[in-house]
PDB file of N, CA and C in Angstrom:
ATOM      1  N   MET A   1    -134.278 127.469 -36.147  1.00  0.00           N
ATOM      2  CA  MET A   1    -135.488 127.283 -35.760  1.00  0.00           C
ATOM      3  C   MET A   1    -135.652 127.724 -34.157  1.00  0.00           C
ATOM      4  N   SER A   2    -136.761 127.992 -34.021  1.00  0.00           N
ATOM      5  CA  SER A   2    -137.337 128.630 -32.683  1.00  0.00           C
ATOM      6  C   SER A   2    -138.245 127.796 -31.993  1.00  0.00           C
ATOM      7  N   ASP A   3    -138.133 127.206 -30.711  1.00  0.00           N
ATOM      8  CA  ASP A   3    -138.869 126.884 -29.817  1.00  0.00           C
ATOM      9  C   ASP A   3    -140.009 127.893 -29.178  1.00  0.00           C
ATOM     10  N   THR A   4    -141.195 127.341 -29.088  1.00  0.00           N
ATOM     11  CA  THR A   4    -142.219 128.159 -28.359  1.00  0.00           C
ATOM     12  C   THR A   4    -142.842 127.528 -26.972  1.00  0.00           C
ATOM     13  N   VAL A   5    -142.961 128.484 -26.309  1.00  0.00           N
ATOM     14  CA  VAL A   5    -143.744 128.222 -24.844  1.00  0.00           C
ATOM     15  C   VAL A   5    -144.993 128.830 -24.995  1.00  0.00           C
ATOM     16  N   GLU A   6    -146.035 128.251 -24.876  1.00  0.00           N
ATOM     17  CA  GLU A   6    -147.246 128.874 -24.549  1.00  0.00           C
ATOM     18  C   GLU A   6    -148.114 128.618 -23.211  1.00  0.00           C
ATOM     19  N   PHE A   7    -148.559 129.772 -22.498  1.00  0.00           N
ATOM     20  CA  PHE A   7    -149.019 129.660 -21.460  1.00  0.00           C
ATOM     21  C   PHE A   7    -150.437 129.760 -21.255  1.00  0.00           C
ATOM     22  N   TYR A   8    -151.087 128.766 -20.680  1.00  0.00           N
ATOM     23  CA  TYR A   8    -152.607 128.865 -20.628  1.00  0.00           C
ATOM     24  C   TYR A   8    -153.026 129.126 -19.024  1.00  0.00           C
ATOM     25  N   GLU A   9    -154.062 129.712 -18.761  1.00  0.00           N
ATOM     26  CA  GLU A   9    -154.538 129.638 -17.511  1.00  0.00           C
ATOM     27  C   GLU A   9    -155.454 128.366 -17.363  1.00  0.00           C
ATOM     28  N   ASN A  10    -155.295 127.741 -16.206  1.00  0.00           N
ATOM     29  CA  ASN A  10    -156.353 126.609 -16.078  1.00  0.00           C
ATOM     30  C   ASN A  10    -157.706 126.642 -16.421  1.00  0.00           C
ATOM     31  N   GLY A  11    -158.148 125.609 -17.273  1.00  0.00           N
ATOM     32  CA  GLY A  11    -159.563 125.727 -17.773  1.00  0.00           C
ATOM     33  C   GLY A  11    -159.713 126.714 -19.140  1.00  0.00           C
ATOM     34  N   LYS A  12    -158.855 127.377 -19.613  1.00  0.00           N
ATOM     35  CA  LYS A  12    -159.063 128.349 -20.681  1.00  0.00           C
ATOM     36  C   LYS A  12    -158.655 127.468 -22.063  1.00  0.00           C
ATOM     37  N   GLN A  13    -159.067 127.775 -23.085  1.00  0.00           N
ATOM     38  CA  GLN A  13    -158.710 127.262 -24.418  1.00  0.00           C
ATOM     39  C   GLN A  13    -157.522 127.902 -25.076  1.00  0.00           C
ATOM     40  N   ARG A  14    -157.345 129.314 -24.898  1.00  0.00           N
ATOM     41  CA  ARG A  14    -156.493 130.166 -25.415  1.00  0.00           C
ATOM     42  C   ARG A  14    -155.245 130.438 -24.730  1.00  0.00           C
ATOM     43  N   PRO A  15    -153.774 130.436 -25.347  1.00  0.00           N
ATOM     44  CA  PRO A  15    -153.021 130.917 -24.614  1.00  0.00           C
ATOM     45  C   PRO A  15    -152.998 132.689 -24.234  1.00  0.00           C
ATOM     46  N   PHE A  16    -152.493 132.920 -23.066  1.00  0.00           N
ATOM     47  CA  PHE A  16    -152.503 134.370 -22.687  1.00  0.00           C
ATOM     48  C   PHE A  16    -151.108 134.928 -22.905  1.00  0.00           C
ATOM     49  N   LEU A  17    -150.212 133.984 -23.410  1.00  0.00           N
ATOM     50  CA  LEU A  17    -148.505 134.629 -23.552  1.00  0.00           C
ATOM     51  C   LEU A  17    -148.014 133.572 -24.345  1.00  0.00           C
ATOM     52  N   ILE A  18    -147.382 133.910 -25.429  1.00  0.00           N
ATOM     53  CA  ILE A  18    -146.503 132.872 -26.268  1.00  0.00           C
ATOM     54  C   ILE A  18    -145.101 133.476 -26.336  1.00  0.00           C
ATOM     55  N   VAL A  19    -144.181 132.675 -26.044  1.00  0.00           N
ATOM     56  CA  VAL A  19    -142.885 133.327 -26.051  1.00  0.00           C
ATOM     57  C   VAL A  19    -141.849 132.350 -26.807  1.00  0.00           C
ATOM     58  N   ASP A  20    -140.947 132.790 -27.739  1.00  0.00           N
ATOM     59  CA  ASP A  20    -139.843 132.126 -28.366  1.00  0.00           C
ATOM     60  C   ASP A  20    -138.674 131.802 -27.404  1.00  0.00           C
ATOM     61  N   SER A  21    -138.933 130.354 -26.885  1.00  0.00           N
ATOM     62  CA  SER A  21    -138.082 129.975 -25.906  1.00  0.00           C
ATOM     63  C   SER A  21    -138.089 128.529 -25.844  1.00  0.00           C
ATOM     64  N   ALA A  22    -136.737 127.978 -25.418  1.00  0.00           N
ATOM     65  CA  ALA A  22    -136.472 126.519 -25.183  1.00  0.00           C
ATOM     66  C   ALA A  22    -136.639 126.229 -23.649  1.00  0.00           C
ATOM     67  N   PHE A  23    -136.795 127.323 -23.010  1.00  0.00           N
ATOM     68  CA  PHE A  23    -136.942 127.097 -21.610  1.00  0.00           C
ATOM     69  C   PHE A  23    -138.457 126.282 -21.317  1.00  0.00           C
ATOM     70  N   GLN A  24    -138.330 125.565 -20.280  1.00  0.00           N
ATOM     71  CA  GLN A  24    -139.628 124.709 -19.989  1.00  0.00           C
ATOM     72  C   GLN A  24    -139.609 124.650 -18.454  1.00  0.00           C
ATOM     73  N   PRO A  25    -140.747 125.486 -17.880  1.00  0.00           N
ATOM     74  CA  PRO A  25    -140.901 125.338 -16.411  1.00  0.00           C
ATOM     75  C   PRO A  25    -141.458 123.943 -16.138  1.00  0.00           C
ATOM     76  N   ASN A  26    -140.842 123.523 -14.878  1.00  0.00           N
ATOM     77  CA  ASN A  26    -141.590 122.120 -14.446  1.00  0.00           C
ATOM     78  C   ASN A  26    -142.634 122.294 -13.593  1.00  0.00           C
ATOM     79  N   ASP A  27    -143.360 121.273 -13.404  1.00  0.00           N
ATOM     80  CA  ASP A  27    -144.681 121.314 -12.526  1.00  0.00           C
ATOM     81  C   ASP A  27    -144.388 121.670 -11.184  1.00  0.00           C
ATOM     82  N   ASP A  28    -145.153 122.466 -10.602  1.00  0.00           N
ATOM     83  CA  ASP A  28    -144.994 123.056  -9.324  1.00  0.00           C
ATOM     84  C   ASP A  28    -143.890 124.231  -9.247  1.00  0.00           C
ATOM     85  N   ASP A  29    -143.384 124.558 -10.442  1.00  0.00           N
ATOM     86  CA  ASP A  29    -142.548 125.944 -10.400  1.00  0.00           C
ATOM     87  C   ASP A  29    -143.303 127.228 -10.205  1.00  0.00           C
ATOM     88  N   LEU A  30    -142.838 128.179  -9.538  1.00  0.00           N
ATOM     89  CA  LEU A  30    -143.605 129.507  -9.633  1.00  0.00           C
ATOM     90  C   LEU A  30    -142.968 130.286 -10.805  1.00  0.00           C
ATOM     91  N   ILE A  31    -143.848 130.888 -11.567  1.00  0.00           N
ATOM     92  CA  ILE A  31    -143.445 131.865 -12.553  1.00  0.00           C
ATOM     93  C   ILE A  31    -144.016 133.168 -12.501  1.00  0.00           C
ATOM     94  N   SER A  32    -143.140 134.498 -12.798  1.00  0.00           N
ATOM     95  CA  SER A  32    -143.726 135.701 -12.639  1.00  0.00           C
ATOM     96  C   SER A  32    -143.948 136.102 -14.076  1.00  0.00           C
ATOM     97  N   ILE A  33    -145.293 136.274 -14.372  1.00  0.00           N
ATOM     98  CA  ILE A  33    -145.700 136.986 -15.666  1.00  0.00           C
ATOM     99  C   ILE A  33    -146.243 138.367 -15.336  1.00  0.00           C
ATOM    100  N   LYS A  34    -145.654 139.489 -16.072  1.00  0.00           N
ATOM    101  CA  LYS A  34    -146.500 140.500 -15.970  1.00  0.00           C
ATOM    102  C   LYS A  34    -146.805 141.070 -14.519  1.00  0.00           C
ATOM    103  N   GLY A  35    -145.919 140.834 -13.440  1.00  0.00           N
ATOM    104  CA  GLY A  35    -146.277 141.028 -12.163  1.00  0.00           C
ATOM    105  C   GLY A  35    -147.105 140.297 -11.622  1.00  0.00           C
ATOM    106  N   LYS A  36    -147.611 139.042 -11.991  1.00  0.00           N
ATOM    107  CA  LYS A  36    -148.318 138.180 -11.422  1.00  0.00           C
ATOM    108  C   LYS A  36    -147.764 136.986 -11.220  1.00  0.00           C
ATOM    109  N   THR A  37    -147.933 136.142 -10.022  1.00  0.00           N
ATOM    110  CA  THR A  37    -147.143 134.964  -9.929  1.00  0.00           C
ATOM    111  C   THR A  37    -148.175 133.966 -10.130  1.00  0.00           C
ATOM    112  N   TYR A  38    -147.730 132.870 -10.911  1.00  0.00           N
ATOM    113  CA  TYR A  38    -148.519 131.576 -11.345  1.00  0.00           C
ATOM    114  C   TYR A  38    -147.725 130.363 -10.836  1.00  0.00           C
ATOM    115  N   ASN A  39    -148.554 129.299 -10.563  1.00  0.00           N
ATOM    116  CA  ASN A  39    -148.071 127.952 -10.219  1.00  0.00           C
ATOM    117  C   ASN A  39    -148.159 127.110 -11.619  1.00  0.00           C
ATOM    118  N   VAL A  40    -147.129 126.459 -11.910  1.00  0.00           N
ATOM    119  CA  VAL A  40    -147.062 125.557 -12.914  1.00  0.00           C
ATOM    120  C   VAL A  40    -148.048 124.201 -12.604  1.00  0.00           C
ATOM    121  N   LEU A  41    -149.049 124.216 -12.981  1.00  0.00           N
ATOM    122  CA  LEU A  41    -149.864 122.841 -12.765  1.00  0.00           C
ATOM    123  C   LEU A  41    -149.489 121.681 -13.704  1.00  0.00           C
ATOM    124  N   GLY A  42    -148.965 122.021 -14.976  1.00  0.00           N
ATOM    125  CA  GLY A  42    -148.570 120.904 -16.018  1.00  0.00           C
ATOM    126  C   GLY A  42    -147.889 121.540 -17.183  1.00  0.00           C
ATOM    127  N   ARG A  43    -147.467 120.607 -18.008  1.00  0.00           N
ATOM    128  CA  ARG A  43    -147.136 120.937 -19.083  1.00  0.00           C
ATOM    129  C   ARG A  43    -147.300 119.672 -20.307  1.00  0.00           C
ATOM    130  N   SER A  44    -147.408 120.134 -21.588  1.00  0.00           N
ATOM    131  CA  SER A  44    -147.359 119.060 -22.521  1.00  0.00           C
ATOM    132  C   SER A  44    -146.593 119.564 -23.767  1.00  0.00           C
ATOM    133  N   PHE A  45    -146.178 118.794 -24.550  1.00  0.00           N
ATOM    134  CA  PHE A  45    -145.296 119.059 -25.656  1.00  0.00           C
ATOM    135  C   PHE A  45    -145.983 118.909 -27.231  1.00  0.00           C
ATOM    136  N   SER A  46    -145.839 119.562 -28.112  1.00  0.00           N
ATOM    137  CA  SER A  46    -146.181 119.307 -29.287  1.00  0.00           C
ATOM    138  C   SER A  46    -145.303 119.385 -30.317  1.00  0.00           C
ATOM    139  N   VAL A  47    -145.253 118.752 -31.581  1.00  0.00           N
ATOM    140  CA  VAL A  47    -144.199 118.815 -32.593  1.00  0.00           C
ATOM    141  C   VAL A  47    -145.128 119.011 -33.676  1.00  0.00           C
ATOM    142  N   ASP A  48    -146.333 119.870 -33.789  1.00  0.00           N
ATOM    143  CA  ASP A  48    -147.131 120.160 -34.942  1.00  0.00           C
ATOM    144  C   ASP A  48    -146.443 121.126 -35.706  1.00  0.00           C
ATOM    145  N   TYR A  49    -145.444 121.764 -35.515  1.00  0.00           N
ATOM    146  CA  TYR A  49    -144.730 122.705 -36.380  1.00  0.00           C
ATOM    147  C   TYR A  49    -143.725 122.097 -37.209  1.00  0.00           C
ATOM    148  N   VAL A  50    -143.562 120.938 -36.971  1.00  0.00           N
ATOM    149  CA  VAL A  50    -142.494 120.277 -37.883  1.00  0.00           C
ATOM    150  C   VAL A  50    -142.686 120.568 -39.274  1.00  0.00           C
ATOM    151  N   GLY A  51    -141.752 121.050 -39.901  1.00  0.00           N
ATOM    152  CA  GLY A  51    -141.784 121.186 -41.493  1.00  0.00           C
ATOM    153  C   GLY A  51    -141.972 122.622 -41.801  1.00  0.00           C
ATOM    154  N   GLU A  52    -142.499 123.439 -40.730  1.00  0.00           N
ATOM    155  CA  GLU A  52    -142.773 124.866 -41.075  1.00  0.00           C
ATOM    156  C   GLU A  52    -141.357 125.638 -40.958  1.00  0.00           C
ATOM    157  N   PRO A  53    -141.010 126.625 -41.737  1.00  0.00           N
ATOM    158  CA  PRO A  53    -139.770 127.359 -41.280  1.00  0.00           C
ATOM    159  C   PRO A  53    -139.775 128.176 -39.987  1.00  0.00           C
ATOM    160  N   LEU A  54    -138.781 128.230 -39.560  1.00  0.00           N
ATOM    161  CA  LEU A  54    -138.538 128.857 -38.284  1.00  0.00           C
ATOM    162  C   LEU A  54    -139.102 128.366 -36.943  1.00  0.00           C
ATOM    163  N   LYS A  55    -139.949 127.378 -36.973  1.00  0.00           N
ATOM    164  CA  LYS A  55    -140.502 126.613 -35.826  1.00  0.00           C
ATOM    165  C   LYS A  55    -140.190 125.329 -35.612  1.00  0.00           C
ATOM    166  N   ALA A  56    -140.099 124.971 -34.382  1.00  0.00           N
ATOM    167  CA  ALA A  56    -139.551 123.369 -34.018  1.00  0.00           C
ATOM    168  C   ALA A  56    -140.520 122.619 -33.210  1.00  0.00           C
ATOM    169  N   MET A  57    -140.709 123.063 -32.123  1.00  0.00           N
ATOM    170  CA  MET A  57    -141.344 122.360 -30.905  1.00  0.00           C
ATOM    171  C   MET A  57    -142.148 123.424 -30.187  1.00  0.00           C
ATOM    172  N   ARG A  58    -143.320 123.048 -29.557  1.00  0.00           N
ATOM    173  CA  ARG A  58    -144.233 123.859 -28.472  1.00  0.00           C
ATOM    174  C   ARG A  58    -144.337 123.339 -27.415  1.00  0.00           C
ATOM    175  N   CYS A  59    -144.174 124.008 -26.307  1.00  0.00           N
ATOM    176  CA  CYS A  59    -144.391 123.548 -24.714  1.00  0.00           C
ATOM    177  C   CYS A  59    -145.633 124.286 -24.515  1.00  0.00           C
ATOM    178  N   ASN A  60    -146.572 123.380 -24.019  1.00  0.00           N
ATOM    179  CA  ASN A  60    -147.807 124.211 -23.669  1.00  0.00           C
ATOM    180  C   ASN A  60    -147.925 123.884 -22.115  1.00  0.00           C
ATOM    181  N   VAL A  61    -147.783 125.257 -21.266  1.00  0.00           N
ATOM    182  CA  VAL A  61    -147.784 125.281 -20.048  1.00  0.00           C
ATOM    183  C   VAL A  61    -149.073 125.723 -19.505  1.00  0.00           C
ATOM    184  N   ILE A  62    -149.685 125.029 -18.535  1.00  0.00           N
ATOM    185  CA  ILE A  62    -150.952 125.292 -17.772  1.00  0.00           C
ATOM    186  C   ILE A  62    -150.527 125.771 -16.481  1.00  0.00           C
ATOM    187  N   VAL A  63    -150.817 126.972 -16.124  1.00  0.00           N
ATOM    188  CA  VAL A  63    -150.809 127.778 -15.017  1.00  0.00           C
ATOM    189  C   VAL A  63    -151.930 128.017 -14.122  1.00  0.00           C
ATOM    190  N   GLU A  64    -151.808 128.583 -12.780  1.00  0.00           N
ATOM    191  CA  GLU A  64    -152.890 128.886 -12.062  1.00  0.00           C
ATOM    192  C   GLU A  64    -152.347 129.895 -11.199  1.00  0.00           C
ATOM    193  N   GLU A  65    -153.106 131.280 -11.363  1.00  0.00           N
ATOM    194  CA  GLU A  65    -152.509 132.243 -10.715  1.00  0.00           C
ATOM    195  C   GLU A  65    -152.581 132.218  -9.209  1.00  0.00           C
ATOM    196  N   GLN A  66    -151.601 132.799  -8.518  1.00  0.00           N
ATOM    197  CA  GLN A  66    -151.600 132.501  -7.003  1.00  0.00           C
ATOM    198  C   GLN A  66    -152.532 133.569  -6.449  1.00  0.00           C
ATOM    199  N   ALA A  67    -153.032 133.229  -5.434  1.00  0.00           N
ATOM    200  CA  ALA A  67    -153.849 134.130  -4.731  1.00  0.00           C
ATOM    201  C   ALA A  67    -153.315 134.972  -3.760  1.00  0.00           C
TER     202      ALA A  67
END
């Protein structure tokens, strides 16, 4: 099974990046994605993949690009 992390820009409805990972950044962490630095504003978790082969849990991470 694979956990996923989905990154959403603050205020947007669709993720701009989905990765297979169990790593979950904490609030206020800085994260570098494709050469840009983002601040983690918050995160939530979903178990809506339960019962689907090869998927387990999803972490939704809300980020804001640093100026």
